[in-house]
Amino acid sequence: IVLYPSIGMHPWSFIFANNRIAPIQITTWGHSVTSGVDTIDYYISSKLFENENSDDHYNEKLLKLNELTTYYLKYTFKEEFKTRKELNLPEDKNILFCMQNLIKIDENFFNLIEEILKKVNNSIVLLLKQNLLESKINFLKKKFNNNVIFVENCVNFVFNSYLNCSDIVLDTYSFGGCNSSLESFSKGKIVVTMPSDFLSGRFTLGFYNKMNIKDPIVYNFQEYIDKVVYYFDNPEEKKKLEEKIKKR
């Protein structure tokens, strides 16, 4: 048996995968999409992530295990996270965290952020700057009425400090977060998520399924906006859910 954890994330993995070097060849969600390679026999995923039509999304035979299929070592940082003041973040604003790779954010999701900023008083959103052209930055500043902070690419500790200083995490659609959602949950942060049909947009859903938490899961953009507004309008409910997330 050969197990490829992430076909397509490095050229050599794809080259090897196209050859039959073992009787049974398996891949899994280090790259959250089918390999499309006829020499790969199985794709390992989870019942917590996949839906009833998922088999149609894979070239391989899909194996849906009962658990999350991946084990993460628990880690803690040796120093205290940076404060809002140290990160030059405003002390008096509601902060929405959306520091995902910008290839995950399309025009529709930018429109969603715009509507949320209009409805949540005194709010800003954190986005990665990530080689954005100055013209695009200026466009988004205008679109968001300057209620946006563009963050330079940063080390993991600083990334987690921005996350720790935020109030609500916005899971992108249709390509969602995975590691960032786990980092959010470890701090008791609510991640509002709208699962897509494909695995790349269903990790946060799967983590919530594992924790038996359903409230932050939505199924259309209007529900998404309403849910974010609800948590800011109901701070006690927000706090109760944060405590449940951190516990579970």
C-alpha atoms as a PDB file:
ATOM      1  CA  ILE A   1       0.000   0.000   0.000  1.00  0.00           C
ATOM      2  CA  VAL A   2       1.129   3.544  -0.773  1.00  0.00           C
ATOM      3  CA  LEU A   3      -0.621   6.433   0.950  1.00  0.00           C
ATOM      4  CA  TYR A   4      -0.270   9.877  -0.625  1.00  0.00           C
ATOM      5  CA  PRO A   5      -1.417  12.492   1.911  1.00  0.00           C
ATOM      6  CA  SER A   6      -1.529  15.447  -0.488  1.00  0.00           C
ATOM      7  CA  ILE A   7      -1.404  14.710  -4.211  1.00  0.00           C
ATOM      8  CA  GLY A   8      -0.981  17.914  -6.188  1.00  0.00           C
ATOM      9  CA  MET A   9       0.578  20.026  -3.441  1.00  0.00           C
ATOM     10  CA  HIS A  10       4.043  19.235  -4.820  1.00  0.00           C
ATOM     11  CA  PRO A  11       4.937  18.251  -8.403  1.00  0.00           C
ATOM     12  CA  TRP A  12       6.695  15.046  -7.351  1.00  0.00           C
ATOM     13  CA  SER A  13       3.591  13.760  -5.574  1.00  0.00           C
ATOM     14  CA  PHE A  14       1.626  14.032  -8.817  1.00  0.00           C
ATOM     15  CA  ILE A  15       4.378  12.397 -10.870  1.00  0.00           C
ATOM     16  CA  PHE A  16       4.613   9.408  -8.516  1.00  0.00           C
ATOM     17  CA  ALA A  17       0.839   9.107  -8.202  1.00  0.00           C
ATOM     18  CA  ASN A  18       0.501   8.618 -11.951  1.00  0.00           C
ATOM     19  CA  ASN A  19       2.508   5.396 -11.674  1.00  0.00           C
ATOM     20  CA  ARG A  20       1.322   2.091 -10.278  1.00  0.00           C
ATOM     21  CA  ILE A  21       4.090   1.458  -7.731  1.00  0.00           C
ATOM     22  CA  ALA A  22       1.898  -0.494  -5.259  1.00  0.00           C
ATOM     23  CA  PRO A  23      -1.121  -2.816  -5.593  1.00  0.00           C
ATOM     24  CA  ILE A  24      -3.235  -0.446  -3.469  1.00  0.00           C
ATOM     25  CA  GLN A  25      -2.792   3.330  -3.713  1.00  0.00           C
ATOM     26  CA  ILE A  26      -4.625   5.782  -1.464  1.00  0.00           C
ATOM     27  CA  THR A  27      -4.841   9.537  -1.062  1.00  0.00           C
ATOM     28  CA  THR A  28      -6.522  11.807   1.479  1.00  0.00           C
ATOM     29  CA  TRP A  29      -7.329  15.438   2.178  1.00  0.00           C
ATOM     30  CA  GLY A  30      -3.928  17.047   2.481  1.00  0.00           C
ATOM     31  CA  HIS A  31      -5.247  18.327  -0.842  1.00  0.00           C
ATOM     32  CA  SER A  32      -9.015  18.490  -0.475  1.00  0.00           C
ATOM     33  CA  VAL A  33     -10.006  17.427  -3.992  1.00  0.00           C
ATOM     34  CA  THR A  34      -9.937  14.230  -6.018  1.00  0.00           C
ATOM     35  CA  SER A  35      -6.586  13.455  -7.620  1.00  0.00           C
ATOM     36  CA  GLY A  36      -8.315  12.670 -10.910  1.00  0.00           C
ATOM     37  CA  VAL A  37      -5.708   9.946 -11.377  1.00  0.00           C
ATOM     38  CA  ASP A  38      -6.858   6.455 -12.391  1.00  0.00           C
ATOM     39  CA  THR A  39      -3.921   4.821 -10.609  1.00  0.00           C
ATOM     40  CA  ILE A  40      -5.243   6.005  -7.211  1.00  0.00           C
ATOM     41  CA  ASP A  41      -7.768   3.532  -5.826  1.00  0.00           C
ATOM     42  CA  TYR A  42      -9.197   5.137  -2.685  1.00  0.00           C
ATOM     43  CA  TYR A  43      -9.774   8.579  -1.176  1.00  0.00           C
ATOM     44  CA  ILE A  44     -10.027   8.679   2.621  1.00  0.00           C
ATOM     45  CA  SER A  45     -12.445  11.208   4.058  1.00  0.00           C
ATOM     46  CA  SER A  46     -15.012  11.359   6.869  1.00  0.00           C
ATOM     47  CA  LYS A  47     -18.769  11.019   7.319  1.00  0.00           C
ATOM     48  CA  LEU A  48     -18.495  14.227   9.356  1.00  0.00           C
ATOM     49  CA  PHE A  49     -17.434  16.157   6.234  1.00  0.00           C
ATOM     50  CA  GLU A  50     -19.120  14.508   3.283  1.00  0.00           C
ATOM     51  CA  ASN A  51     -22.721  14.603   2.084  1.00  0.00           C
ATOM     52  CA  GLU A  52     -24.894  11.982   0.383  1.00  0.00           C
ATOM     53  CA  ASN A  53     -23.703  12.983  -3.102  1.00  0.00           C
ATOM     54  CA  SER A  54     -20.004  13.044  -2.273  1.00  0.00           C
ATOM     55  CA  ASP A  55     -19.172   9.815  -4.124  1.00  0.00           C
ATOM     56  CA  ASP A  56     -19.831  11.639  -7.402  1.00  0.00           C
ATOM     57  CA  HIS A  57     -17.034  14.127  -6.611  1.00  0.00           C
ATOM     58  CA  TYR A  58     -14.175  11.623  -6.633  1.00  0.00           C
ATOM     59  CA  ASN A  59     -12.347   9.678  -9.301  1.00  0.00           C
ATOM     60  CA  GLU A  60     -11.285   7.269  -6.538  1.00  0.00           C
ATOM     61  CA  LYS A  61     -13.550   5.053  -4.408  1.00  0.00           C
ATOM     62  CA  LEU A  62     -14.506   7.281  -1.467  1.00  0.00           C
ATOM     63  CA  LEU A  63     -13.991   5.822   2.012  1.00  0.00           C
ATOM     64  CA  LYS A  64     -15.997   7.797   4.594  1.00  0.00           C
ATOM     65  CA  LEU A  65     -14.647   7.012   8.042  1.00  0.00           C
ATOM     66  CA  ASN A  66     -16.557   7.750  11.241  1.00  0.00           C
ATOM     67  CA  GLU A  67     -13.987  10.140  12.706  1.00  0.00           C
ATOM     68  CA  LEU A  68     -12.071  13.177  11.448  1.00  0.00           C
ATOM     69  CA  THR A  69      -9.298  10.955   9.960  1.00  0.00           C
ATOM     70  CA  THR A  70      -6.477  13.282  11.024  1.00  0.00           C
ATOM     71  CA  TYR A  71      -4.895  13.815  14.428  1.00  0.00           C
ATOM     72  CA  TYR A  72      -3.460  17.200  15.383  1.00  0.00           C
ATOM     73  CA  LEU A  73      -0.941  17.529  18.174  1.00  0.00           C
ATOM     74  CA  LYS A  74      -2.081  20.060  20.745  1.00  0.00           C
ATOM     75  CA  TYR A  75       0.320  22.982  21.017  1.00  0.00           C
ATOM     76  CA  THR A  76       0.560  26.172  22.969  1.00  0.00           C
ATOM     77  CA  PHE A  77       2.661  29.251  22.326  1.00  0.00           C
ATOM     78  CA  LYS A  78       5.378  30.029  24.857  1.00  0.00           C
ATOM     79  CA  GLU A  79       4.466  33.701  25.099  1.00  0.00           C
ATOM     80  CA  GLU A  80       1.260  35.643  25.509  1.00  0.00           C
ATOM     81  CA  PHE A  81      -0.482  36.666  22.309  1.00  0.00           C
ATOM     82  CA  LYS A  82       0.062  40.228  21.161  1.00  0.00           C
ATOM     83  CA  THR A  83      -2.595  42.689  22.253  1.00  0.00           C
ATOM     84  CA  ARG A  84      -4.710  44.916  20.027  1.00  0.00           C
ATOM     85  CA  LYS A  85      -2.467  47.816  20.975  1.00  0.00           C
ATOM     86  CA  GLU A  86       0.677  45.902  19.992  1.00  0.00           C
ATOM     87  CA  LEU A  87      -0.938  44.953  16.667  1.00  0.00           C
ATOM     88  CA  ASN A  88      -2.118  48.526  16.019  1.00  0.00           C
ATOM     89  CA  LEU A  89      -5.737  47.409  16.089  1.00  0.00           C
ATOM     90  CA  PRO A  90      -8.494  49.710  17.320  1.00  0.00           C
ATOM     91  CA  GLU A  91      -9.563  49.023  20.897  1.00  0.00           C
ATOM     92  CA  ASP A  92     -13.134  50.229  20.403  1.00  0.00           C
ATOM     93  CA  LYS A  93     -14.275  48.305  17.307  1.00  0.00           C
ATOM     94  CA  ASN A  94     -15.835  44.925  16.613  1.00  0.00           C
ATOM     95  CA  ILE A  95     -13.251  42.938  14.668  1.00  0.00           C
ATOM     96  CA  LEU A  96     -14.196  40.404  11.995  1.00  0.00           C
ATOM     97  CA  PHE A  97     -11.384  37.985  11.147  1.00  0.00           C
ATOM     98  CA  CYS A  98     -11.075  36.840   7.534  1.00  0.00           C
ATOM     99  CA  MET A  99      -7.313  36.437   7.039  1.00  0.00           C
ATOM    100  CA  GLN A 100      -7.612  33.597   4.536  1.00  0.00           C
ATOM    101  CA  ASN A 101      -5.582  33.142   1.388  1.00  0.00           C
ATOM    102  CA  LEU A 102      -7.153  35.607  -1.051  1.00  0.00           C
ATOM    103  CA  ILE A 103      -7.714  32.913  -3.681  1.00  0.00           C
ATOM    104  CA  LYS A 104     -10.533  31.749  -1.364  1.00  0.00           C
ATOM    105  CA  ILE A 105     -12.390  35.078  -1.559  1.00  0.00           C
ATOM    106  CA  ASP A 106     -14.432  35.963  -4.634  1.00  0.00           C
ATOM    107  CA  GLU A 107     -16.624  38.940  -5.501  1.00  0.00           C
ATOM    108  CA  ASN A 108     -19.723  37.414  -3.915  1.00  0.00           C
ATOM    109  CA  PHE A 109     -17.957  36.965  -0.597  1.00  0.00           C
ATOM    110  CA  PHE A 110     -16.591  40.520  -0.699  1.00  0.00           C
ATOM    111  CA  ASN A 111     -20.212  41.637  -1.172  1.00  0.00           C
ATOM    112  CA  LEU A 112     -21.178  39.565   1.853  1.00  0.00           C
ATOM    113  CA  ILE A 113     -18.488  41.250   3.974  1.00  0.00           C
ATOM    114  CA  GLU A 114     -19.703  44.633   2.791  1.00  0.00           C
ATOM    115  CA  GLU A 115     -23.257  43.887   3.974  1.00  0.00           C
ATOM    116  CA  ILE A 116     -22.035  42.621   7.356  1.00  0.00           C
ATOM    117  CA  LEU A 117     -19.965  45.785   7.899  1.00  0.00           C
ATOM    118  CA  LYS A 118     -23.041  47.867   7.157  1.00  0.00           C
ATOM    119  CA  LYS A 119     -25.158  45.998   9.696  1.00  0.00           C
ATOM    120  CA  VAL A 120     -22.653  45.522  12.549  1.00  0.00           C
ATOM    121  CA  ASN A 121     -22.030  48.880  14.168  1.00  0.00           C
ATOM    122  CA  ASN A 122     -18.475  50.081  14.607  1.00  0.00           C
ATOM    123  CA  SER A 123     -16.903  47.067  12.893  1.00  0.00           C
ATOM    124  CA  ILE A 124     -13.817  46.357  10.806  1.00  0.00           C
ATOM    125  CA  VAL A 125     -12.602  43.322   8.885  1.00  0.00           C
ATOM    126  CA  LEU A 126      -9.060  41.931   8.799  1.00  0.00           C
ATOM    127  CA  LEU A 127      -7.852  40.731   5.375  1.00  0.00           C
ATOM    128  CA  LEU A 128      -4.448  39.554   4.208  1.00  0.00           C
ATOM    129  CA  LYS A 129      -2.665  42.050   1.991  1.00  0.00           C
ATOM    130  CA  GLN A 130      -0.940  39.203   0.153  1.00  0.00           C
ATOM    131  CA  ASN A 131       0.424  40.945  -2.948  1.00  0.00           C
ATOM    132  CA  LEU A 132      -2.821  42.786  -3.666  1.00  0.00           C
ATOM    133  CA  LEU A 133      -2.421  45.506  -6.249  1.00  0.00           C
ATOM    134  CA  GLU A 134      -2.767  49.017  -4.871  1.00  0.00           C
ATOM    135  CA  SER A 135      -5.767  49.546  -7.132  1.00  0.00           C
ATOM    136  CA  LYS A 136      -7.536  46.521  -5.598  1.00  0.00           C
ATOM    137  CA  ILE A 137      -6.711  47.715  -2.076  1.00  0.00           C
ATOM    138  CA  ASN A 138      -8.160  51.137  -2.845  1.00  0.00           C
ATOM    139  CA  PHE A 139     -11.241  49.538  -4.402  1.00  0.00           C
ATOM    140  CA  LEU A 140     -11.870  47.425  -1.301  1.00  0.00           C
ATOM    141  CA  LYS A 141     -11.236  50.334   1.058  1.00  0.00           C
ATOM    142  CA  LYS A 142     -13.910  52.289  -0.763  1.00  0.00           C
ATOM    143  CA  LYS A 143     -16.252  49.293  -0.895  1.00  0.00           C
ATOM    144  CA  PHE A 144     -15.890  48.709   2.853  1.00  0.00           C
ATOM    145  CA  ASN A 145     -16.031  52.427   3.706  1.00  0.00           C
ATOM    146  CA  ASN A 146     -12.455  52.171   5.049  1.00  0.00           C
ATOM    147  CA  ASN A 147     -13.568  49.644   7.670  1.00  0.00           C
ATOM    148  CA  VAL A 148     -10.811  47.223   6.674  1.00  0.00           C
ATOM    149  CA  ILE A 149      -7.250  46.540   7.773  1.00  0.00           C
ATOM    150  CA  PHE A 150      -4.888  44.792   5.357  1.00  0.00           C
ATOM    151  CA  VAL A 151      -2.394  42.638   7.233  1.00  0.00           C
ATOM    152  CA  GLU A 152       1.000  41.758   5.815  1.00  0.00           C
ATOM    153  CA  ASN A 153       1.928  38.075   5.636  1.00  0.00           C
ATOM    154  CA  CYS A 154       3.060  37.103   9.111  1.00  0.00           C
ATOM    155  CA  VAL A 155       4.444  34.231  11.179  1.00  0.00           C
ATOM    156  CA  ASN A 156       2.064  31.781  12.847  1.00  0.00           C
ATOM    157  CA  PHE A 157       2.293  33.407  16.280  1.00  0.00           C
ATOM    158  CA  VAL A 158       1.328  36.838  14.930  1.00  0.00           C
ATOM    159  CA  PHE A 159      -1.452  35.300  12.805  1.00  0.00           C
ATOM    160  CA  ASN A 160      -2.851  33.672  15.946  1.00  0.00           C
ATOM    161  CA  SER A 161      -2.531  36.961  17.828  1.00  0.00           C
ATOM    162  CA  TYR A 162      -4.751  38.670  15.235  1.00  0.00           C
ATOM    163  CA  LEU A 163      -7.174  35.770  15.585  1.00  0.00           C
ATOM    164  CA  ASN A 164      -7.141  36.007  19.376  1.00  0.00           C
ATOM    165  CA  CYS A 165      -7.947  39.737  19.210  1.00  0.00           C
ATOM    166  CA  SER A 166     -10.937  39.211  16.905  1.00  0.00           C
ATOM    167  CA  ASP A 167     -14.602  38.909  17.853  1.00  0.00           C
ATOM    168  CA  ILE A 168     -16.052  36.705  15.100  1.00  0.00           C
ATOM    169  CA  VAL A 169     -14.366  34.576  12.418  1.00  0.00           C
ATOM    170  CA  LEU A 170     -15.822  34.550   8.886  1.00  0.00           C
ATOM    171  CA  ASP A 171     -15.326  31.221   7.123  1.00  0.00           C
ATOM    172  CA  THR A 172     -14.949  31.847   3.393  1.00  0.00           C
ATOM    173  CA  TYR A 173     -17.286  30.356   0.796  1.00  0.00           C
ATOM    174  CA  SER A 174     -17.087  28.245  -1.266  1.00  0.00           C
ATOM    175  CA  PHE A 175     -13.498  27.269  -0.363  1.00  0.00           C
ATOM    176  CA  GLY A 176     -13.451  27.365   3.416  1.00  0.00           C
ATOM    177  CA  GLY A 177     -10.914  27.195   6.199  1.00  0.00           C
ATOM    178  CA  CYS A 178      -9.483  24.137   7.914  1.00  0.00           C
ATOM    179  CA  ASN A 179      -6.417  24.755  10.087  1.00  0.00           C
ATOM    180  CA  SER A 180      -7.576  28.309  10.774  1.00  0.00           C
ATOM    181  CA  SER A 181     -10.923  26.983  12.033  1.00  0.00           C
ATOM    182  CA  LEU A 182      -9.165  24.643  14.451  1.00  0.00           C
ATOM    183  CA  GLU A 183      -6.970  27.536  15.615  1.00  0.00           C
ATOM    184  CA  SER A 184     -10.134  29.598  16.106  1.00  0.00           C
ATOM    185  CA  PHE A 185     -11.876  26.884  18.124  1.00  0.00           C
ATOM    186  CA  SER A 186      -8.837  26.462  20.377  1.00  0.00           C
ATOM    187  CA  LYS A 187      -9.412  30.080  21.458  1.00  0.00           C
ATOM    188  CA  GLY A 188     -13.170  29.675  21.814  1.00  0.00           C
ATOM    189  CA  LYS A 189     -13.905  31.774  18.737  1.00  0.00           C
ATOM    190  CA  ILE A 190     -17.145  31.406  16.796  1.00  0.00           C
ATOM    191  CA  VAL A 191     -16.591  30.616  13.112  1.00  0.00           C
ATOM    192  CA  VAL A 192     -19.678  31.337  11.013  1.00  0.00           C
ATOM    193  CA  THR A 193     -19.631  28.873   8.134  1.00  0.00           C
ATOM    194  CA  MET A 194     -21.685  28.128   5.032  1.00  0.00           C
ATOM    195  CA  PRO A 195     -20.717  24.661   3.764  1.00  0.00           C
ATOM    196  CA  SER A 196     -20.376  24.118   0.035  1.00  0.00           C
ATOM    197  CA  ASP A 197     -21.009  20.844  -1.815  1.00  0.00           C
ATOM    198  CA  PHE A 198     -17.338  19.922  -2.022  1.00  0.00           C
ATOM    199  CA  LEU A 199     -14.885  18.844   0.682  1.00  0.00           C
ATOM    200  CA  SER A 200     -12.799  22.033   0.458  1.00  0.00           C
ATOM    201  CA  GLY A 201     -15.772  23.966   1.823  1.00  0.00           C
ATOM    202  CA  ARG A 202     -16.915  21.477   4.483  1.00  0.00           C
ATOM    203  CA  PHE A 203     -14.102  21.179   7.041  1.00  0.00           C
ATOM    204  CA  THR A 204     -15.552  23.695   9.493  1.00  0.00           C
ATOM    205  CA  LEU A 205     -18.913  21.928   9.189  1.00  0.00           C
ATOM    206  CA  GLY A 206     -17.210  18.626  10.011  1.00  0.00           C
ATOM    207  CA  PHE A 207     -15.503  20.059  13.092  1.00  0.00           C
ATOM    208  CA  TYR A 208     -18.841  21.421  14.315  1.00  0.00           C
ATOM    209  CA  ASN A 209     -20.428  18.007  13.660  1.00  0.00           C
ATOM    210  CA  LYS A 210     -17.720  16.428  15.818  1.00  0.00           C
ATOM    211  CA  MET A 211     -18.460  18.934  18.620  1.00  0.00           C
ATOM    212  CA  ASN A 212     -22.246  18.528  18.116  1.00  0.00           C
ATOM    213  CA  ILE A 213     -22.619  22.289  17.631  1.00  0.00           C
ATOM    214  CA  LYS A 214     -25.006  23.452  14.902  1.00  0.00           C
ATOM    215  CA  ASP A 215     -25.841  27.100  15.567  1.00  0.00           C
ATOM    216  CA  PRO A 216     -23.033  28.824  13.547  1.00  0.00           C
ATOM    217  CA  ILE A 217     -23.779  26.752  10.410  1.00  0.00           C
ATOM    218  CA  VAL A 218     -25.798  28.601   7.751  1.00  0.00           C
ATOM    219  CA  TYR A 219     -27.008  27.716   4.263  1.00  0.00           C
ATOM    220  CA  ASN A 220     -27.327  30.979   2.348  1.00  0.00           C
ATOM    221  CA  PHE A 221     -25.780  34.453   2.370  1.00  0.00           C
ATOM    222  CA  GLN A 222     -28.728  36.111   4.103  1.00  0.00           C
ATOM    223  CA  GLU A 223     -28.551  33.574   6.929  1.00  0.00           C
ATOM    224  CA  TYR A 224     -24.806  34.235   7.107  1.00  0.00           C
ATOM    225  CA  ILE A 225     -25.322  37.989   7.538  1.00  0.00           C
ATOM    226  CA  ASP A 226     -28.162  37.517  10.044  1.00  0.00           C
ATOM    227  CA  LYS A 227     -26.103  35.076  12.131  1.00  0.00           C
ATOM    228  CA  VAL A 228     -23.131  37.434  12.460  1.00  0.00           C
ATOM    229  CA  VAL A 229     -25.450  40.296  13.400  1.00  0.00           C
ATOM    230  CA  TYR A 230     -27.225  38.044  15.935  1.00  0.00           C
ATOM    231  CA  TYR A 231     -24.023  37.287  17.851  1.00  0.00           C
ATOM    232  CA  PHE A 232     -23.135  40.967  18.145  1.00  0.00           C
ATOM    233  CA  ASP A 233     -26.689  41.868  19.161  1.00  0.00           C
ATOM    234  CA  ASN A 234     -26.772  39.075  21.765  1.00  0.00           C
ATOM    235  CA  PRO A 235     -23.454  39.146  23.642  1.00  0.00           C
ATOM    236  CA  GLU A 236     -24.612  36.704  26.337  1.00  0.00           C
ATOM    237  CA  GLU A 237     -25.536  34.074  23.735  1.00  0.00           C
ATOM    238  CA  LYS A 238     -22.231  34.724  21.982  1.00  0.00           C
ATOM    239  CA  LYS A 239     -20.335  34.189  25.223  1.00  0.00           C
ATOM    240  CA  LYS A 240     -22.195  30.947  26.025  1.00  0.00           C
ATOM    241  CA  LEU A 241     -21.402  29.535  22.586  1.00  0.00           C
ATOM    242  CA  GLU A 242     -17.739  30.566  22.851  1.00  0.00           C
ATOM    243  CA  GLU A 243     -17.453  28.710  26.151  1.00  0.00           C
ATOM    244  CA  LYS A 244     -19.088  25.612  24.648  1.00  0.00           C
ATOM    245  CA  ILE A 245     -16.682  25.672  21.686  1.00  0.00           C
ATOM    246  CA  LYS A 246     -13.640  26.007  23.931  1.00  0.00           C
ATOM    247  CA  LYS A 247     -14.842  23.143  26.141  1.00  0.00           C
ATOM    248  CA  ARG A 248     -15.558  20.770  23.279  1.00  0.00           C
END
